[in-house]
């Protein structure tokens, strides 16, 4: 199942990268934050890996 090995992980990482722009754009819609958003790479990778394990179990990939 190459989709779970390449396409899905890439899409999860690309999706996560779009949040930077969302935070920046939200100020124009009245959103305010006490602190600037920060990113934790290890959390992103851990959650990506957990999602891939979940999908692998659902589709019973080898």
PDB file of N, CA and C in Angstrom:
ATOM      1  N   UNK A   1       0.838  -1.179   0.000  1.00  0.00           N
ATOM      2  CA  UNK A   1       0.000   0.000   0.000  1.00  0.00           C
ATOM      3  C   UNK A   1       0.883   1.243   0.000  1.00  0.00           C
ATOM      4  N   UNK A   2       1.411   1.622  -1.159  1.00  0.00           N
ATOM      5  CA  UNK A   2       2.322   2.760  -1.219  1.00  0.00           C
ATOM      6  C   UNK A   2       1.677   4.084  -0.808  1.00  0.00           C
ATOM      7  N   UNK A   3       0.364   4.172  -0.875  1.00  0.00           N
ATOM      8  CA  UNK A   3      -0.302   5.426  -0.494  1.00  0.00           C
ATOM      9  C   UNK A   3      -0.006   5.761   0.960  1.00  0.00           C
ATOM     10  N   UNK A   4      -0.036   4.756   1.834  1.00  0.00           N
ATOM     11  CA  UNK A   4       0.205   4.994   3.255  1.00  0.00           C
ATOM     12  C   UNK A   4       1.687   5.259   3.510  1.00  0.00           C
ATOM     13  N   UNK A   5       2.548   4.823   2.620  1.00  0.00           N
ATOM     14  CA  UNK A   5       3.982   5.016   2.820  1.00  0.00           C
ATOM     15  C   UNK A   5       4.492   6.334   2.226  1.00  0.00           C
ATOM     16  N   UNK A   6       3.757   6.921   1.302  1.00  0.00           N
ATOM     17  CA  UNK A   6       4.247   8.142   0.665  1.00  0.00           C
ATOM     18  C   UNK A   6       3.241   9.268   0.610  1.00  0.00           C
ATOM     19  N   UNK A   7       2.120   9.008  -0.014  1.00  0.00           N
ATOM     20  CA  UNK A   7       1.135  10.055  -0.261  1.00  0.00           C
ATOM     21  C   UNK A   7       0.505  10.581   1.033  1.00  0.00           C
ATOM     22  N   UNK A   8       0.044   9.701   1.884  1.00  0.00           N
ATOM     23  CA  UNK A   8      -0.625  10.127   3.122  1.00  0.00           C
ATOM     24  C   UNK A   8       0.331  10.880   4.042  1.00  0.00           C
ATOM     25  N   UNK A   9       1.539  10.372   4.312  1.00  0.00           N
ATOM     26  CA  UNK A   9       2.448  11.140   5.173  1.00  0.00           C
ATOM     27  C   UNK A   9       2.752  12.529   4.608  1.00  0.00           C
ATOM     28  N   UNK A  10       2.958  12.606   3.299  1.00  0.00           N
ATOM     29  CA  UNK A  10       3.245  13.902   2.678  1.00  0.00           C
ATOM     30  C   UNK A  10       2.076  14.852   2.864  1.00  0.00           C
ATOM     31  N   UNK A  11       0.865  14.362   2.652  1.00  0.00           N
ATOM     32  CA  UNK A  11      -0.308  15.223   2.791  1.00  0.00           C
ATOM     33  C   UNK A  11      -0.493  15.692   4.226  1.00  0.00           C
ATOM     34  N   UNK A  12      -0.214  14.840   5.199  1.00  0.00           N
ATOM     35  CA  UNK A  12      -0.323  15.255   6.600  1.00  0.00           C
ATOM     36  C   UNK A  12       0.677  16.366   6.911  1.00  0.00           C
ATOM     37  N   UNK A  13       1.893  16.250   6.399  1.00  0.00           N
ATOM     38  CA  UNK A  13       2.913  17.272   6.646  1.00  0.00           C
ATOM     39  C   UNK A  13       2.577  18.583   5.930  1.00  0.00           C
ATOM     40  N   UNK A  14       2.075  18.491   4.710  1.00  0.00           N
ATOM     41  CA  UNK A  14       1.679  19.700   3.976  1.00  0.00           C
ATOM     42  C   UNK A  14       0.508  20.381   4.676  1.00  0.00           C
ATOM     43  N   UNK A  15      -0.467  19.589   5.115  1.00  0.00           N
ATOM     44  CA  UNK A  15      -1.618  20.136   5.834  1.00  0.00           C
ATOM     45  C   UNK A  15      -1.156  20.879   7.087  1.00  0.00           C
ATOM     46  N   UNK A  16      -0.236  20.295   7.825  1.00  0.00           N
ATOM     47  CA  UNK A  16       0.273  20.930   9.047  1.00  0.00           C
ATOM     48  C   UNK A  16       0.992  22.240   8.732  1.00  0.00           C
ATOM     49  N   UNK A  17       1.673  22.304   7.603  1.00  0.00           N
ATOM     50  CA  UNK A  17       2.433  23.511   7.259  1.00  0.00           C
ATOM     51  C   UNK A  17       1.531  24.699   6.963  1.00  0.00           C
ATOM     52  N   UNK A  18       0.286  24.458   6.609  1.00  0.00           N
ATOM     53  CA  UNK A  18      -0.631  25.544   6.257  1.00  0.00           C
ATOM     54  C   UNK A  18      -1.128  26.320   7.469  1.00  0.00           C
ATOM     55  N   UNK A  19      -0.969  25.772   8.663  1.00  0.00           N
ATOM     56  CA  UNK A  19      -1.451  26.467   9.855  1.00  0.00           C
ATOM     57  C   UNK A  19      -0.713  27.775  10.104  1.00  0.00           C
ATOM     58  N   UNK A  20       0.531  27.875   9.721  1.00  0.00           N
ATOM     59  CA  UNK A  20       1.279  29.115   9.905  1.00  0.00           C
ATOM     60  C   UNK A  20       0.537  30.278   9.267  1.00  0.00           C
ATOM     61  N   UNK A  21       0.094  30.098   8.039  1.00  0.00           N
ATOM     62  CA  UNK A  21      -0.609  31.162   7.321  1.00  0.00           C
ATOM     63  C   UNK A  21      -1.992  31.419   7.915  1.00  0.00           C
ATOM     64  N   UNK A  22      -2.633  30.365   8.398  1.00  0.00           N
ATOM     65  CA  UNK A  22      -3.948  30.532   9.017  1.00  0.00           C
ATOM     66  C   UNK A  22      -3.847  31.406  10.260  1.00  0.00           C
ATOM     67  N   UNK A  23      -2.836  31.169  11.086  1.00  0.00           N
ATOM     68  CA  UNK A  23      -2.647  31.998  12.277  1.00  0.00           C
ATOM     69  C   UNK A  23      -2.402  33.452  11.880  1.00  0.00           C
ATOM     70  N   UNK A  24      -1.572  33.661  10.877  1.00  0.00           N
ATOM     71  CA  UNK A  24      -1.271  35.024  10.439  1.00  0.00           C
ATOM     72  C   UNK A  24      -2.521  35.720   9.915  1.00  0.00           C
ATOM     73  N   UNK A  25      -3.310  35.023   9.114  1.00  0.00           N
ATOM     74  CA  UNK A  25      -4.513  35.612   8.527  1.00  0.00           C
ATOM     75  C   UNK A  25      -5.615  35.853   9.549  1.00  0.00           C
ATOM     76  N   UNK A  26      -5.643  35.095  10.628  1.00  0.00           N
ATOM     77  CA  UNK A  26      -6.741  35.189  11.594  1.00  0.00           C
ATOM     78  C   UNK A  26      -6.779  36.531  12.319  1.00  0.00           C
ATOM     79  N   UNK A  27      -5.643  37.226  12.406  1.00  0.00           N
ATOM     80  CA  UNK A  27      -5.626  38.532  13.077  1.00  0.00           C
ATOM     81  C   UNK A  27      -6.579  39.505  12.383  1.00  0.00           C
ATOM     82  N   UNK A  28      -6.682  39.421  11.083  1.00  0.00           N
ATOM     83  CA  UNK A  28      -7.581  40.285  10.328  1.00  0.00           C
ATOM     84  C   UNK A  28      -9.048  39.999  10.587  1.00  0.00           C
ATOM     85  N   UNK A  29      -9.337  38.857  11.189  1.00  0.00           N
ATOM     86  CA  UNK A  29     -10.711  38.487  11.513  1.00  0.00           C
ATOM     87  C   UNK A  29     -11.002  38.630  13.001  1.00  0.00           C
ATOM     88  N   UNK A  30     -10.118  39.341  13.707  1.00  0.00           N
ATOM     89  CA  UNK A  30     -10.366  39.641  15.107  1.00  0.00           C
ATOM     90  C   UNK A  30      -9.761  38.683  16.109  1.00  0.00           C
ATOM     91  N   UNK A  31      -9.066  37.649  15.660  1.00  0.00           N
ATOM     92  CA  UNK A  31      -8.448  36.708  16.596  1.00  0.00           C
ATOM     93  C   UNK A  31      -7.203  37.327  17.196  1.00  0.00           C
ATOM     94  N   UNK A  32      -7.042  37.164  18.501  1.00  0.00           N
ATOM     95  CA  UNK A  32      -5.847  37.640  19.193  1.00  0.00           C
ATOM     96  C   UNK A  32      -5.302  36.507  20.042  1.00  0.00           C
ATOM     97  N   UNK A  33      -4.004  36.477  20.183  1.00  0.00           N
ATOM     98  CA  UNK A  33      -3.338  35.425  20.944  1.00  0.00           C
ATOM     99  C   UNK A  33      -2.470  36.058  22.012  1.00  0.00           C
ATOM    100  N   UNK A  34      -2.421  35.427  23.168  1.00  0.00           N
ATOM    101  CA  UNK A  34      -1.559  35.920  24.242  1.00  0.00           C
ATOM    102  C   UNK A  34      -0.083  35.700  23.917  1.00  0.00           C
ATOM    103  N   UNK A  35       0.195  34.658  23.164  1.00  0.00           N
ATOM    104  CA  UNK A  35       1.568  34.361  22.753  1.00  0.00           C
ATOM    105  C   UNK A  35       1.564  34.034  21.268  1.00  0.00           C
ATOM    106  N   UNK A  36       2.706  34.125  20.669  1.00  0.00           N
ATOM    107  CA  UNK A  36       2.829  33.736  19.266  1.00  0.00           C
ATOM    108  C   UNK A  36       2.737  32.218  19.168  1.00  0.00           C
ATOM    109  N   UNK A  37       2.087  31.712  18.132  1.00  0.00           N
ATOM    110  CA  UNK A  37       2.037  30.260  17.956  1.00  0.00           C
ATOM    111  C   UNK A  37       3.445  29.698  17.787  1.00  0.00           C
ATOM    112  N   UNK A  38       3.650  28.507  18.304  1.00  0.00           N
ATOM    113  CA  UNK A  38       4.940  27.842  18.136  1.00  0.00           C
ATOM    114  C   UNK A  38       4.695  26.431  17.618  1.00  0.00           C
ATOM    115  N   UNK A  39       5.721  25.835  17.091  1.00  0.00           N
ATOM    116  CA  UNK A  39       5.593  24.511  16.484  1.00  0.00           C
ATOM    117  C   UNK A  39       6.538  23.536  17.163  1.00  0.00           C
ATOM    118  N   UNK A  40       6.037  22.320  17.390  1.00  0.00           N
ATOM    119  CA  UNK A  40       6.845  21.254  17.990  1.00  0.00           C
ATOM    120  C   UNK A  40       6.944  20.117  16.975  1.00  0.00           C
ATOM    121  N   UNK A  41       8.088  20.037  16.324  1.00  0.00           N
ATOM    122  CA  UNK A  41       8.298  19.050  15.260  1.00  0.00           C
ATOM    123  C   UNK A  41       8.089  17.624  15.763  1.00  0.00           C
ATOM    124  N   UNK A  42       8.571  17.297  16.956  1.00  0.00           N
ATOM    125  CA  UNK A  42       8.453  15.923  17.466  1.00  0.00           C
ATOM    126  C   UNK A  42       6.989  15.535  17.686  1.00  0.00           C
ATOM    127  N   UNK A  43       6.143  16.482  18.084  1.00  0.00           N
ATOM    128  CA  UNK A  43       4.712  16.192  18.243  1.00  0.00           C
ATOM    129  C   UNK A  43       4.075  15.913  16.890  1.00  0.00           C
ATOM    130  N   UNK A  44       4.420  16.710  15.889  1.00  0.00           N
ATOM    131  CA  UNK A  44       3.887  16.493  14.546  1.00  0.00           C
ATOM    132  C   UNK A  44       4.264  15.108  14.032  1.00  0.00           C
ATOM    133  N   UNK A  45       5.524  14.739  14.156  1.00  0.00           N
ATOM    134  CA  UNK A  45       5.983  13.441  13.657  1.00  0.00           C
ATOM    135  C   UNK A  45       5.334  12.298  14.433  1.00  0.00           C
ATOM    136  N   UNK A  46       5.209  12.436  15.740  1.00  0.00           N
ATOM    137  CA  UNK A  46       4.569  11.393  16.551  1.00  0.00           C
ATOM    138  C   UNK A  46       3.108  11.218  16.148  1.00  0.00           C
ATOM    139  N   UNK A  47       2.400  12.316  15.921  1.00  0.00           N
ATOM    140  CA  UNK A  47       0.995  12.224  15.521  1.00  0.00           C
ATOM    141  C   UNK A  47       0.847  11.685  14.105  1.00  0.00           C
ATOM    142  N   UNK A  48       1.775  12.041  13.216  1.00  0.00           N
ATOM    143  CA  UNK A  48       1.764  11.488  11.857  1.00  0.00           C
ATOM    144  C   UNK A  48       1.953   9.980  11.913  1.00  0.00           C
ATOM    145  N   UNK A  49       2.913   9.536  12.707  1.00  0.00           N
ATOM    146  CA  UNK A  49       3.173   8.102  12.830  1.00  0.00           C
ATOM    147  C   UNK A  49       1.985   7.362  13.436  1.00  0.00           C
ATOM    148  N   UNK A  50       1.327   7.968  14.414  1.00  0.00           N
ATOM    149  CA  UNK A  50       0.149   7.344  15.025  1.00  0.00           C
ATOM    150  C   UNK A  50      -0.979   7.211  14.007  1.00  0.00           C
ATOM    151  N   UNK A  51      -1.168   8.226  13.180  1.00  0.00           N
ATOM    152  CA  UNK A  51      -2.218   8.166  12.153  1.00  0.00           C
ATOM    153  C   UNK A  51      -1.898   7.090  11.120  1.00  0.00           C
ATOM    154  N   UNK A  52      -0.636   6.962  10.751  1.00  0.00           N
ATOM    155  CA  UNK A  52      -0.261   5.920   9.794  1.00  0.00           C
ATOM    156  C   UNK A  52      -0.473   4.528  10.382  1.00  0.00           C
ATOM    157  N   UNK A  53      -0.181   4.353  11.656  1.00  0.00           N
ATOM    158  CA  UNK A  53      -0.440   3.064  12.313  1.00  0.00           C
ATOM    159  C   UNK A  53      -1.934   2.765  12.332  1.00  0.00           C
ATOM    160  N   UNK A  54      -2.744   3.785  12.602  1.00  0.00           N
ATOM    161  CA  UNK A  54      -4.197   3.607  12.622  1.00  0.00           C
ATOM    162  C   UNK A  54      -4.699   3.183  11.242  1.00  0.00           C
ATOM    163  N   UNK A  55      -4.238   3.859  10.205  1.00  0.00           N
ATOM    164  CA  UNK A  55      -4.666   3.522   8.851  1.00  0.00           C
ATOM    165  C   UNK A  55      -4.177   2.142   8.432  1.00  0.00           C
ATOM    166  N   UNK A  56      -2.959   1.804   8.808  1.00  0.00           N
ATOM    167  CA  UNK A  56      -2.422   0.484   8.489  1.00  0.00           C
ATOM    168  C   UNK A  56      -3.278  -0.604   9.119  1.00  0.00           C
ATOM    169  N   UNK A  57      -3.706  -0.402  10.356  1.00  0.00           N
ATOM    170  CA  UNK A  57      -4.548  -1.392  11.037  1.00  0.00           C
ATOM    171  C   UNK A  57      -5.910  -1.509  10.364  1.00  0.00           C
ATOM    172  N   UNK A  58      -6.468  -0.396   9.943  1.00  0.00           N
ATOM    173  CA  UNK A  58      -7.785  -0.418   9.296  1.00  0.00           C
ATOM    174  C   UNK A  58      -7.727  -1.185   7.982  1.00  0.00           C
ATOM    175  N   UNK A  59      -6.716  -0.900   7.187  1.00  0.00           N
ATOM    176  CA  UNK A  59      -6.618  -1.503   5.863  1.00  0.00           C
ATOM    177  C   UNK A  59      -5.780  -2.767   5.845  1.00  0.00           C
ATOM    178  N   UNK A  60      -5.293  -3.184   7.027  1.00  0.00           N
ATOM    179  CA  UNK A  60      -4.511  -4.410   7.163  1.00  0.00           C
ATOM    180  C   UNK A  60      -3.382  -4.471   6.142  1.00  0.00           C
ATOM    181  N   UNK A  61      -2.618  -3.399   6.105  1.00  0.00           N
ATOM    182  CA  UNK A  61      -1.482  -3.330   5.188  1.00  0.00           C
ATOM    183  C   UNK A  61      -0.345  -4.194   5.719  1.00  0.00           C
ATOM    184  N   UNK A  62       0.417  -4.797   4.814  1.00  0.00           N
ATOM    185  CA  UNK A  62       1.561  -5.609   5.258  1.00  0.00           C
ATOM    186  C   UNK A  62       2.672  -4.775   5.837  1.00  0.00           C
TER     187      UNK A  62
END
